[in-house]
Amino acid sequence: MFKVPFAGVFWTFALAIPFTIVALAGVAYVDLHFSEIRLAVLSFEQAVTAGGRGFAAEFAERFPEILGMLIGMIVILTIYLFVRQPAESVVRRTK
């Protein structure tokens, strides 16, 4: 078997253990305070959206525009992909 140097094992644990502890603490905090977090998000979205309708209603109204822009970009890029010619082949044809 390949012998792993002590430094590699040390730095792996030195990086993994603190981030694991922070992740577990974050999950515990979210679990204990989920209802307060949910209420804060709801009050924020009601305050910042038009008429207090929420992000879902705003997104539903703007989704057709976004979808149209995305489809248009895909069509333009697809046309560009199939129509473009390398610069060398254009130069050869003109000579």
PDB file of N, CA and C in Angstrom:
ATOM      1  N   MET A   1       0.823  -1.190   0.000  1.00  0.00           N
ATOM      2  CA  MET A   1       0.000   0.000   0.000  1.00  0.00           C
ATOM      3  C   MET A   1       0.860   1.244   0.000  1.00  0.00           C
ATOM      4  N   PHE A   2       0.313   2.295  -0.530  1.00  0.00           N
ATOM      5  CA  PHE A   2       1.012   3.561  -0.582  1.00  0.00           C
ATOM      6  C   PHE A   2       0.989   4.211   0.800  1.00  0.00           C
ATOM      7  N   LYS A   3       2.155   4.624   1.287  1.00  0.00           N
ATOM      8  CA  LYS A   3       2.213   5.263   2.598  1.00  0.00           C
ATOM      9  C   LYS A   3       1.928   6.752   2.451  1.00  0.00           C
ATOM     10  N   VAL A   4       0.931   7.206   3.177  1.00  0.00           N
ATOM     11  CA  VAL A   4       0.541   8.604   3.121  1.00  0.00           C
ATOM     12  C   VAL A   4       1.388   9.375   4.122  1.00  0.00           C
ATOM     13  N   PRO A   5       1.981  10.470   3.688  1.00  0.00           N
ATOM     14  CA  PRO A   5       2.774  11.252   4.620  1.00  0.00           C
ATOM     15  C   PRO A   5       1.915  11.831   5.740  1.00  0.00           C
ATOM     16  N   PHE A   6       2.537  12.032   6.864  1.00  0.00           N
ATOM     17  CA  PHE A   6       1.851  12.565   8.032  1.00  0.00           C
ATOM     18  C   PHE A   6       1.255  13.934   7.739  1.00  0.00           C
ATOM     19  N   ALA A   7       1.944  14.753   6.973  1.00  0.00           N
ATOM     20  CA  ALA A   7       1.463  16.108   6.683  1.00  0.00           C
ATOM     21  C   ALA A   7       0.151  16.068   5.906  1.00  0.00           C
ATOM     22  N   GLY A   8       0.028  15.138   4.991  1.00  0.00           N
ATOM     23  CA  GLY A   8      -1.212  15.027   4.219  1.00  0.00           C
ATOM     24  C   GLY A   8      -2.404  14.675   5.095  1.00  0.00           C
ATOM     25  N   VAL A   9      -2.202  13.712   5.977  1.00  0.00           N
ATOM     26  CA  VAL A   9      -3.275  13.320   6.898  1.00  0.00           C
ATOM     27  C   VAL A   9      -3.595  14.463   7.855  1.00  0.00           C
ATOM     28  N   PHE A  10      -2.573  15.119   8.363  1.00  0.00           N
ATOM     29  CA  PHE A  10      -2.778  16.206   9.311  1.00  0.00           C
ATOM     30  C   PHE A  10      -3.591  17.332   8.675  1.00  0.00           C
ATOM     31  N   TRP A  11      -3.207  17.776   7.476  1.00  0.00           N
ATOM     32  CA  TRP A  11      -3.907  18.897   6.851  1.00  0.00           C
ATOM     33  C   TRP A  11      -5.304  18.508   6.388  1.00  0.00           C
ATOM     34  N   THR A  12      -5.503  17.251   6.033  1.00  0.00           N
ATOM     35  CA  THR A  12      -6.850  16.800   5.689  1.00  0.00           C
ATOM     36  C   THR A  12      -7.767  16.915   6.895  1.00  0.00           C
ATOM     37  N   PHE A  13      -7.302  16.411   8.027  1.00  0.00           N
ATOM     38  CA  PHE A  13      -8.105  16.527   9.251  1.00  0.00           C
ATOM     39  C   PHE A  13      -8.212  17.973   9.720  1.00  0.00           C
ATOM     40  N   ALA A  14      -7.151  18.731   9.584  1.00  0.00           N
ATOM     41  CA  ALA A  14      -7.176  20.126  10.026  1.00  0.00           C
ATOM     42  C   ALA A  14      -8.204  20.938   9.239  1.00  0.00           C
ATOM     43  N   LEU A  15      -8.410  20.608   7.982  1.00  0.00           N
ATOM     44  CA  LEU A  15      -9.410  21.306   7.190  1.00  0.00           C
ATOM     45  C   LEU A  15     -10.809  20.704   7.347  1.00  0.00           C
ATOM     46  N   ALA A  16     -10.908  19.391   7.482  1.00  0.00           N
ATOM     47  CA  ALA A  16     -12.212  18.739   7.497  1.00  0.00           C
ATOM     48  C   ALA A  16     -12.940  18.898   8.831  1.00  0.00           C
ATOM     49  N   ILE A  17     -12.237  18.775   9.927  1.00  0.00           N
ATOM     50  CA  ILE A  17     -12.900  18.779  11.237  1.00  0.00           C
ATOM     51  C   ILE A  17     -13.560  20.122  11.555  1.00  0.00           C
ATOM     52  N   PRO A  18     -12.898  21.265  11.390  1.00  0.00           N
ATOM     53  CA  PRO A  18     -13.592  22.530  11.704  1.00  0.00           C
ATOM     54  C   PRO A  18     -14.816  22.789  10.819  1.00  0.00           C
ATOM     55  N   PHE A  19     -14.717  22.477   9.537  1.00  0.00           N
ATOM     56  CA  PHE A  19     -15.865  22.696   8.658  1.00  0.00           C
ATOM     57  C   PHE A  19     -17.007  21.745   8.992  1.00  0.00           C
ATOM     58  N   THR A  20     -16.701  20.533   9.427  1.00  0.00           N
ATOM     59  CA  THR A  20     -17.740  19.599   9.852  1.00  0.00           C
ATOM     60  C   THR A  20     -18.445  20.119  11.096  1.00  0.00           C
ATOM     61  N   ILE A  21     -17.682  20.656  12.039  1.00  0.00           N
ATOM     62  CA  ILE A  21     -18.270  21.205  13.264  1.00  0.00           C
ATOM     63  C   ILE A  21     -19.162  22.400  12.938  1.00  0.00           C
ATOM     64  N   VAL A  22     -18.689  23.287  12.060  1.00  0.00           N
ATOM     65  CA  VAL A  22     -19.493  24.444  11.670  1.00  0.00           C
ATOM     66  C   VAL A  22     -20.777  23.998  10.971  1.00  0.00           C
ATOM     67  N   ALA A  23     -20.694  22.992  10.105  1.00  0.00           N
ATOM     68  CA  ALA A  23     -21.883  22.502   9.408  1.00  0.00           C
ATOM     69  C   ALA A  23     -22.882  21.900  10.390  1.00  0.00           C
ATOM     70  N   LEU A  24     -22.415  21.117  11.346  1.00  0.00           N
ATOM     71  CA  LEU A  24     -23.319  20.534  12.345  1.00  0.00           C
ATOM     72  C   LEU A  24     -23.960  21.610  13.208  1.00  0.00           C
ATOM     73  N   ALA A  25     -23.186  22.628  13.586  1.00  0.00           N
ATOM     74  CA  ALA A  25     -23.742  23.724  14.381  1.00  0.00           C
ATOM     75  C   ALA A  25     -24.781  24.495  13.570  1.00  0.00           C
ATOM     76  N   GLY A  26     -24.521  24.709  12.274  1.00  0.00           N
ATOM     77  CA  GLY A  26     -25.493  25.394  11.425  1.00  0.00           C
ATOM     78  C   GLY A  26     -26.784  24.620  11.285  1.00  0.00           C
ATOM     79  N   VAL A  27     -26.699  23.307  11.124  1.00  0.00           N
ATOM     80  CA  VAL A  27     -27.900  22.478  11.024  1.00  0.00           C
ATOM     81  C   VAL A  27     -28.685  22.522  12.332  1.00  0.00           C
ATOM     82  N   ALA A  28     -27.992  22.455  13.458  1.00  0.00           N
ATOM     83  CA  ALA A  28     -28.669  22.526  14.753  1.00  0.00           C
ATOM     84  C   ALA A  28     -29.361  23.874  14.931  1.00  0.00           C
ATOM     85  N   TYR A  29     -28.700  24.970  14.535  1.00  0.00           N
ATOM     86  CA  TYR A  29     -29.286  26.302  14.667  1.00  0.00           C
ATOM     87  C   TYR A  29     -30.528  26.432  13.789  1.00  0.00           C
ATOM     88  N   VAL A  30     -30.431  25.985  12.546  1.00  0.00           N
ATOM     89  CA  VAL A  30     -31.570  26.065  11.632  1.00  0.00           C
ATOM     90  C   VAL A  30     -32.724  25.215  12.153  1.00  0.00           C
ATOM     91  N   ASP A  31     -32.415  24.051  12.703  1.00  0.00           N
ATOM     92  CA  ASP A  31     -33.455  23.172  13.236  1.00  0.00           C
ATOM     93  C   ASP A  31     -34.188  23.828  14.410  1.00  0.00           C
ATOM     94  N   LEU A  32     -33.454  24.505  15.272  1.00  0.00           N
ATOM     95  CA  LEU A  32     -34.064  25.126  16.445  1.00  0.00           C
ATOM     96  C   LEU A  32     -34.807  26.415  16.110  1.00  0.00           C
ATOM     97  N   HIS A  33     -34.369  27.137  15.081  1.00  0.00           N
ATOM     98  CA  HIS A  33     -34.926  28.446  14.786  1.00  0.00           C
ATOM     99  C   HIS A  33     -35.612  28.519  13.418  1.00  0.00           C
ATOM    100  N   PHE A  34     -36.076  27.386  12.903  1.00  0.00           N
ATOM    101  CA  PHE A  34     -36.630  27.375  11.553  1.00  0.00           C
ATOM    102  C   PHE A  34     -37.874  28.254  11.435  1.00  0.00           C
ATOM    103  N   SER A  35     -38.734  28.228  12.414  1.00  0.00           N
ATOM    104  CA  SER A  35     -39.966  29.018  12.314  1.00  0.00           C
ATOM    105  C   SER A  35     -39.659  30.515  12.288  1.00  0.00           C
ATOM    106  N   GLU A  36     -38.684  30.977  13.096  1.00  0.00           N
ATOM    107  CA  GLU A  36     -38.313  32.392  13.071  1.00  0.00           C
ATOM    108  C   GLU A  36     -37.669  32.773  11.741  1.00  0.00           C
ATOM    109  N   ILE A  37     -36.860  31.873  11.185  1.00  0.00           N
ATOM    110  CA  ILE A  37     -36.216  32.133   9.892  1.00  0.00           C
ATOM    111  C   ILE A  37     -37.281  32.232   8.804  1.00  0.00           C
ATOM    112  N   ARG A  38     -38.261  31.328   8.831  1.00  0.00           N
ATOM    113  CA  ARG A  38     -39.328  31.339   7.843  1.00  0.00           C
ATOM    114  C   ARG A  38     -40.135  32.633   7.930  1.00  0.00           C
ATOM    115  N   LEU A  39     -40.472  33.054   9.129  1.00  0.00           N
ATOM    116  CA  LEU A  39     -41.232  34.296   9.288  1.00  0.00           C
ATOM    117  C   LEU A  39     -40.429  35.505   8.823  1.00  0.00           C
ATOM    118  N   ALA A  40     -39.117  35.507   9.070  1.00  0.00           N
ATOM    119  CA  ALA A  40     -38.278  36.617   8.626  1.00  0.00           C
ATOM    120  C   ALA A  40     -38.212  36.678   7.096  1.00  0.00           C
ATOM    121  N   VAL A  41     -38.095  35.534   6.459  1.00  0.00           N
ATOM    122  CA  VAL A  41     -38.059  35.500   4.992  1.00  0.00           C
ATOM    123  C   VAL A  41     -39.397  35.956   4.418  1.00  0.00           C
ATOM    124  N   LEU A  42     -40.493  35.500   5.006  1.00  0.00           N
ATOM    125  CA  LEU A  42     -41.809  35.910   4.517  1.00  0.00           C
ATOM    126  C   LEU A  42     -42.033  37.403   4.681  1.00  0.00           C
ATOM    127  N   SER A  43     -41.640  37.958   5.808  1.00  0.00           N
ATOM    128  CA  SER A  43     -41.827  39.394   6.006  1.00  0.00           C
ATOM    129  C   SER A  43     -40.923  40.191   5.069  1.00  0.00           C
ATOM    130  N   PHE A  44     -39.724  39.681   4.793  1.00  0.00           N
ATOM    131  CA  PHE A  44     -38.825  40.361   3.864  1.00  0.00           C
ATOM    132  C   PHE A  44     -39.391  40.360   2.451  1.00  0.00           C
ATOM    133  N   GLU A  45     -39.878  39.212   1.995  1.00  0.00           N
ATOM    134  CA  GLU A  45     -40.405  39.154   0.630  1.00  0.00           C
ATOM    135  C   GLU A  45     -41.676  39.967   0.493  1.00  0.00           C
ATOM    136  N   GLN A  46     -42.474  40.056   1.536  1.00  0.00           N
ATOM    137  CA  GLN A  46     -43.668  40.902   1.469  1.00  0.00           C
ATOM    138  C   GLN A  46     -43.289  42.374   1.417  1.00  0.00           C
ATOM    139  N   ALA A  47     -42.174  42.731   2.041  1.00  0.00           N
ATOM    140  CA  ALA A  47     -41.759  44.131   2.082  1.00  0.00           C
ATOM    141  C   ALA A  47     -41.111  44.586   0.777  1.00  0.00           C
ATOM    142  N   VAL A  48     -40.425  43.696   0.066  1.00  0.00           N
ATOM    143  CA  VAL A  48     -39.659  44.123  -1.101  1.00  0.00           C
ATOM    144  C   VAL A  48     -40.345  43.889  -2.435  1.00  0.00           C
ATOM    145  N   THR A  49     -41.435  43.124  -2.475  1.00  0.00           N
ATOM    146  CA  THR A  49     -42.082  42.867  -3.757  1.00  0.00           C
ATOM    147  C   THR A  49     -43.237  43.837  -3.966  1.00  0.00           C
ATOM    148  N   ALA A  50     -43.642  43.961  -5.210  1.00  0.00           N
ATOM    149  CA  ALA A  50     -44.692  44.912  -5.571  1.00  0.00           C
ATOM    150  C   ALA A  50     -46.021  44.486  -4.960  1.00  0.00           C
ATOM    151  N   GLY A  51     -46.582  45.341  -4.152  1.00  0.00           N
ATOM    152  CA  GLY A  51     -47.878  45.049  -3.551  1.00  0.00           C
ATOM    153  C   GLY A  51     -47.834  43.969  -2.496  1.00  0.00           C
ATOM    154  N   GLY A  52     -46.638  43.506  -2.110  1.00  0.00           N
ATOM    155  CA  GLY A  52     -46.522  42.476  -1.079  1.00  0.00           C
ATOM    156  C   GLY A  52     -47.047  41.127  -1.506  1.00  0.00           C
ATOM    157  N   ARG A  53     -46.985  40.834  -2.801  1.00  0.00           N
ATOM    158  CA  ARG A  53     -47.530  39.563  -3.284  1.00  0.00           C
ATOM    159  C   ARG A  53     -46.579  38.389  -3.120  1.00  0.00           C
ATOM    160  N   GLY A  54     -45.318  38.662  -2.894  1.00  0.00           N
ATOM    161  CA  GLY A  54     -44.371  37.570  -2.719  1.00  0.00           C
ATOM    162  C   GLY A  54     -43.588  37.265  -3.975  1.00  0.00           C
ATOM    163  N   PHE A  55     -42.489  36.556  -3.783  1.00  0.00           N
ATOM    164  CA  PHE A  55     -41.594  36.244  -4.893  1.00  0.00           C
ATOM    165  C   PHE A  55     -42.229  35.276  -5.887  1.00  0.00           C
ATOM    166  N   ALA A  56     -43.053  34.347  -5.407  1.00  0.00           N
ATOM    167  CA  ALA A  56     -43.644  33.356  -6.316  1.00  0.00           C
ATOM    168  C   ALA A  56     -44.565  34.030  -7.325  1.00  0.00           C
ATOM    169  N   ALA A  57     -45.381  34.973  -6.861  1.00  0.00           N
ATOM    170  CA  ALA A  57     -46.289  35.666  -7.779  1.00  0.00           C
ATOM    171  C   ALA A  57     -45.509  36.539  -8.750  1.00  0.00           C
ATOM    172  N   GLU A  58     -44.497  37.217  -8.271  1.00  0.00           N
ATOM    173  CA  GLU A  58     -43.675  38.050  -9.159  1.00  0.00           C
ATOM    174  C   GLU A  58     -42.966  37.195 -10.201  1.00  0.00           C
ATOM    175  N   PHE A  59     -42.422  36.064  -9.781  1.00  0.00           N
ATOM    176  CA  PHE A  59     -41.727  35.180 -10.710  1.00  0.00           C
ATOM    177  C   PHE A  59     -42.702  34.616 -11.743  1.00  0.00           C
ATOM    178  N   ALA A  60     -43.911  34.255 -11.308  1.00  0.00           N
ATOM    179  CA  ALA A  60     -44.897  33.700 -12.237  1.00  0.00           C
ATOM    180  C   ALA A  60     -45.278  34.718 -13.303  1.00  0.00           C
ATOM    181  N   GLU A  61     -45.309  36.000 -12.925  1.00  0.00           N
ATOM    182  CA  GLU A  61     -45.643  37.022 -13.919  1.00  0.00           C
ATOM    183  C   GLU A  61     -44.509  37.247 -14.913  1.00  0.00           C
ATOM    184  N   ARG A  62     -43.282  37.120 -14.468  1.00  0.00           N
ATOM    185  CA  ARG A  62     -42.136  37.428 -15.322  1.00  0.00           C
ATOM    186  C   ARG A  62     -41.553  36.200 -16.016  1.00  0.00           C
ATOM    187  N   PHE A  63     -42.047  35.012 -15.692  1.00  0.00           N
ATOM    188  CA  PHE A  63     -41.491  33.791 -16.255  1.00  0.00           C
ATOM    189  C   PHE A  63     -41.600  33.720 -17.776  1.00  0.00           C
ATOM    190  N   PRO A  64     -42.723  34.095 -18.394  1.00  0.00           N
ATOM    191  CA  PRO A  64     -42.773  34.040 -19.868  1.00  0.00           C
ATOM    192  C   PRO A  64     -41.723  34.930 -20.528  1.00  0.00           C
ATOM    193  N   GLU A  65     -41.452  36.100 -19.945  1.00  0.00           N
ATOM    194  CA  GLU A  65     -40.420  36.973 -20.512  1.00  0.00           C
ATOM    195  C   GLU A  65     -39.049  36.323 -20.409  1.00  0.00           C
ATOM    196  N   ILE A  66     -38.760  35.762 -19.259  1.00  0.00           N
ATOM    197  CA  ILE A  66     -37.462  35.107 -19.049  1.00  0.00           C
ATOM    198  C   ILE A  66     -37.313  33.921 -19.998  1.00  0.00           C
ATOM    199  N   LEU A  67     -38.377  33.124 -20.118  1.00  0.00           N
ATOM    200  CA  LEU A  67     -38.334  31.965 -21.001  1.00  0.00           C
ATOM    201  C   LEU A  67     -38.133  32.388 -22.453  1.00  0.00           C
ATOM    202  N   GLY A  68     -38.804  33.453 -22.870  1.00  0.00           N
ATOM    203  CA  GLY A  68     -38.631  33.955 -24.231  1.00  0.00           C
ATOM    204  C   GLY A  68     -37.209  34.412 -24.491  1.00  0.00           C
ATOM    205  N   MET A  69     -36.607  35.114 -23.527  1.00  0.00           N
ATOM    206  CA  MET A  69     -35.214  35.555 -23.695  1.00  0.00           C
ATOM    207  C   MET A  69     -34.272  34.361 -23.785  1.00  0.00           C
ATOM    208  N   LEU A  70     -34.489  33.353 -22.936  1.00  0.00           N
ATOM    209  CA  LEU A  70     -33.618  32.175 -22.967  1.00  0.00           C
ATOM    210  C   LEU A  70     -33.745  31.421 -24.286  1.00  0.00           C
ATOM    211  N   ILE A  71     -34.971  31.244 -24.758  1.00  0.00           N
ATOM    212  CA  ILE A  71     -35.161  30.543 -26.031  1.00  0.00           C
ATOM    213  C   ILE A  71     -34.533  31.338 -27.169  1.00  0.00           C
ATOM    214  N   GLY A  72     -34.699  32.650 -27.156  1.00  0.00           N
ATOM    215  CA  GLY A  72     -34.076  33.484 -28.182  1.00  0.00           C
ATOM    216  C   GLY A  72     -32.566  33.378 -28.175  1.00  0.00           C
ATOM    217  N   MET A  73     -31.969  33.392 -26.978  1.00  0.00           N
ATOM    218  CA  MET A  73     -30.508  33.257 -26.897  1.00  0.00           C
ATOM    219  C   MET A  73     -30.054  31.905 -27.402  1.00  0.00           C
ATOM    220  N   ILE A  74     -30.798  30.853 -27.078  1.00  0.00           N
ATOM    221  CA  ILE A  74     -30.426  29.512 -27.545  1.00  0.00           C
ATOM    222  C   ILE A  74     -30.512  29.441 -29.071  1.00  0.00           C
ATOM    223  N   VAL A  75     -31.554  30.024 -29.646  1.00  0.00           N
ATOM    224  CA  VAL A  75     -31.696  30.019 -31.108  1.00  0.00           C
ATOM    225  C   VAL A  75     -30.556  30.793 -31.760  1.00  0.00           C
ATOM    226  N   ILE A  76     -30.251  31.971 -31.250  1.00  0.00           N
ATOM    227  CA  ILE A  76     -29.173  32.783 -31.831  1.00  0.00           C
ATOM    228  C   ILE A  76     -27.830  32.064 -31.723  1.00  0.00           C
ATOM    229  N   LEU A  77     -27.534  31.484 -30.552  1.00  0.00           N
ATOM    230  CA  LEU A  77     -26.263  30.783 -30.396  1.00  0.00           C
ATOM    231  C   LEU A  77     -26.199  29.526 -31.252  1.00  0.00           C
ATOM    232  N   THR A  78     -27.335  28.841 -31.437  1.00  0.00           N
ATOM    233  CA  THR A  78     -27.351  27.657 -32.303  1.00  0.00           C
ATOM    234  C   THR A  78     -27.102  28.049 -33.755  1.00  0.00           C
ATOM    235  N   ILE A  79     -27.745  29.124 -34.200  1.00  0.00           N
ATOM    236  CA  ILE A  79     -27.495  29.612 -35.566  1.00  0.00           C
ATOM    237  C   ILE A  79     -26.035  29.991 -35.727  1.00  0.00           C
ATOM    238  N   TYR A  80     -25.487  30.693 -34.742  1.00  0.00           N
ATOM    239  CA  TYR A  80     -24.076  31.094 -34.799  1.00  0.00           C
ATOM    240  C   TYR A  80     -23.165  29.875 -34.847  1.00  0.00           C
ATOM    241  N   LEU A  81     -23.505  28.852 -34.098  1.00  0.00           N
ATOM    242  CA  LEU A  81     -22.674  27.640 -34.056  1.00  0.00           C
ATOM    243  C   LEU A  81     -22.624  26.957 -35.419  1.00  0.00           C
ATOM    244  N   PHE A  82     -23.755  26.886 -36.129  1.00  0.00           N
ATOM    245  CA  PHE A  82     -23.787  26.172 -37.398  1.00  0.00           C
ATOM    246  C   PHE A  82     -23.367  27.036 -38.588  1.00  0.00           C
ATOM    247  N   VAL A  83     -23.487  28.352 -38.489  1.00  0.00           N
ATOM    248  CA  VAL A  83     -23.216  29.202 -39.631  1.00  0.00           C
ATOM    249  C   VAL A  83     -21.784  29.711 -39.648  1.00  0.00           C
ATOM    250  N   ARG A  84     -21.181  29.875 -38.501  1.00  0.00           N
ATOM    251  CA  ARG A  84     -19.840  30.478 -38.461  1.00  0.00           C
ATOM    252  C   ARG A  84     -18.843  29.587 -39.193  1.00  0.00           C
ATOM    253  N   GLN A  85     -17.838  30.245 -39.743  1.00  0.00           N
ATOM    254  CA  GLN A  85     -16.791  29.535 -40.462  1.00  0.00           C
ATOM    255  C   GLN A  85     -15.462  29.938 -39.869  1.00  0.00           C
ATOM    256  N   PRO A  86     -14.538  29.020 -39.812  1.00  0.00           N
ATOM    257  CA  PRO A  86     -13.214  29.390 -39.319  1.00  0.00           C
ATOM    258  C   PRO A  86     -12.580  30.456 -40.208  1.00  0.00           C
ATOM    259  N   ALA A  87     -11.795  31.304 -39.636  1.00  0.00           N
ATOM    260  CA  ALA A  87     -11.182  32.421 -40.371  1.00  0.00           C
ATOM    261  C   ALA A  87     -10.272  31.907 -41.482  1.00  0.00           C
ATOM    262  N   GLU A  88      -9.602  30.798 -41.280  1.00  0.00           N
ATOM    263  CA  GLU A  88      -8.694  30.283 -42.287  1.00  0.00           C
ATOM    264  C   GLU A  88      -9.431  29.864 -43.557  1.00  0.00           C
ATOM    265  N   SER A  89     -10.604  29.239 -43.416  1.00  0.00           N
ATOM    266  CA  SER A  89     -11.325  28.794 -44.608  1.00  0.00           C
ATOM    267  C   SER A  89     -11.869  29.988 -45.380  1.00  0.00           C
ATOM    268  N   VAL A  90     -12.228  31.065 -44.727  1.00  0.00           N
ATOM    269  CA  VAL A  90     -12.702  32.257 -45.400  1.00  0.00           C
ATOM    270  C   VAL A  90     -11.547  32.901 -46.162  1.00  0.00           C
ATOM    271  N   VAL A  91     -10.370  32.946 -45.565  1.00  0.00           N
ATOM    272  CA  VAL A  91      -9.206  33.532 -46.209  1.00  0.00           C
ATOM    273  C   VAL A  91      -8.812  32.714 -47.430  1.00  0.00           C
ATOM    274  N   ARG A  92      -8.875  31.393 -47.355  1.00  0.00           N
ATOM    275  CA  ARG A  92      -8.502  30.539 -48.493  1.00  0.00           C
ATOM    276  C   ARG A  92      -9.441  30.749 -49.679  1.00  0.00           C
ATOM    277  N   ARG A  93     -10.735  30.948 -49.405  1.00  0.00           N
ATOM    278  CA  ARG A  93     -11.698  31.104 -50.482  1.00  0.00           C
ATOM    279  C   ARG A  93     -11.521  32.437 -51.201  1.00  0.00           C
ATOM    280  N   THR A  94     -11.058  33.450 -50.505  1.00  0.00           N
ATOM    281  CA  THR A  94     -10.929  34.757 -51.127  1.00  0.00           C
ATOM    282  C   THR A  94      -9.669  34.888 -51.960  1.00  0.00           C
ATOM    283  N   LYS A  95      -8.707  34.017 -51.803  1.00  0.00           N
ATOM    284  CA  LYS A  95      -7.454  34.109 -52.573  1.00  0.00           C
ATOM    285  C   LYS A  95      -7.571  33.494 -53.928  1.00  0.00           C
TER     286      LYS A  95
END
